Protein backbone atom coordinates (compact mmCIF):
# COMPACT_ATOMS: atom_id res chain seq x y z
CA MET A 1 -19.51 48.68 25.07
CA ARG A 2 -18.39 46.47 22.15
CA ASN A 3 -19.38 47.11 18.61
CA ALA A 4 -20.92 44.70 16.21
CA ALA A 5 -17.60 43.97 14.30
CA SER A 6 -15.85 43.07 17.57
CA THR A 7 -18.83 40.82 18.65
CA ARG A 8 -18.70 39.00 15.24
CA HIS A 9 -14.99 38.58 15.53
CA TRP A 10 -15.14 36.93 18.96
CA PHE A 11 -18.05 34.73 17.96
CA GLY A 12 -16.15 33.62 14.91
CA LEU A 13 -13.15 32.76 17.04
CA ALA A 14 -15.34 30.85 19.57
CA LEU A 15 -17.08 29.01 16.73
CA ALA A 16 -13.65 27.99 15.30
CA ALA A 17 -12.39 26.74 18.66
CA PHE A 18 -15.45 24.72 19.15
CA VAL A 19 -15.25 23.07 15.71
CA PHE A 20 -11.51 22.43 16.35
CA VAL A 21 -12.23 20.67 19.72
CA LEU A 22 -14.97 18.60 18.15
CA GLY A 23 -12.60 17.42 15.51
CA CYS A 24 -9.85 16.36 17.92
CA GLY A 25 -11.63 13.30 19.24
CA ASP A 26 -10.01 9.94 19.49
CA ASP A 27 -10.15 7.91 16.36
CA PRO A 28 -11.36 4.39 16.88
CA VAL A 29 -8.53 1.81 16.59
CA LYS A 30 -8.80 -0.08 13.40
CA PRO A 31 -7.42 -3.63 13.00
CA PRO A 32 -4.55 -3.93 10.36
CA PRO A 33 -6.04 -4.78 6.84
CA ALA A 34 -6.06 -8.43 5.85
CA PRO A 35 -3.01 -9.30 3.63
CA LEU A 36 -3.74 -9.53 -0.07
CA PRO A 37 -3.13 -12.93 -1.71
CA GLY A 38 0.10 -11.59 -3.47
CA ASP A 39 1.50 -10.26 -0.08
CA GLN A 40 2.26 -13.82 1.14
CA ALA A 41 5.47 -15.58 0.33
CA VAL A 42 5.34 -18.56 -1.99
CA PRO A 43 7.41 -21.74 -1.81
CA ASP A 44 10.63 -21.52 -3.59
CA PHE A 45 10.88 -23.50 -6.91
CA ALA A 46 13.32 -23.79 -9.79
CA LEU A 47 12.71 -24.70 -13.42
CA ILE A 48 14.72 -25.23 -16.41
CA ASP A 49 14.57 -22.33 -18.98
CA VAL A 50 13.31 -23.83 -22.21
CA ASN A 51 13.10 -20.53 -24.12
CA PRO A 52 15.80 -20.74 -26.89
CA ASN A 53 15.89 -17.04 -27.25
CA SER A 54 16.65 -16.54 -23.49
CA THR A 55 20.22 -15.82 -22.18
CA SER A 56 19.60 -18.48 -19.53
CA HIS A 57 18.40 -21.17 -21.95
CA SER A 58 18.76 -24.71 -20.63
CA GLN A 59 19.78 -23.33 -17.07
CA THR A 60 17.87 -23.86 -13.98
CA ILE A 61 16.33 -20.57 -12.79
CA SER A 62 14.48 -19.49 -9.61
CA PRO A 63 12.63 -16.57 -8.20
CA ARG A 64 15.35 -16.34 -5.69
CA GLN A 65 17.79 -15.16 -8.47
CA HIS A 66 15.57 -12.07 -8.90
CA LEU A 67 14.98 -10.94 -5.28
CA GLY A 68 14.51 -7.25 -5.14
CA ARG A 69 13.63 -6.90 -8.75
CA VAL A 70 10.27 -6.98 -10.54
CA SER A 71 9.79 -10.31 -12.29
CA ALA A 72 6.94 -12.19 -14.01
CA TRP A 73 6.53 -15.87 -14.21
CA TYR A 74 4.42 -17.56 -16.87
CA PHE A 75 3.54 -21.20 -16.73
CA GLY A 76 2.34 -22.23 -20.12
CA HIS A 77 1.69 -25.71 -21.41
CA ALA A 78 1.33 -26.79 -25.04
CA ASN A 79 1.00 -30.20 -26.54
């Protein structure tokens, strides 16, 4: 005859196996997330650098010159 400790041990193992089997169901297939606005390529452009303190002052610059690097582009306008 089994003692109470042995019975609890087997019950615990059976319960753990049951919970494991329930957790192993197939996950529903999710569609890929929609791309964020910044994830899409933008048309190439080139502008003349008008910043007199820049090392590329009066040269034509483009985002293509900075591929693989972090860059920020500011389009300001003043009258």
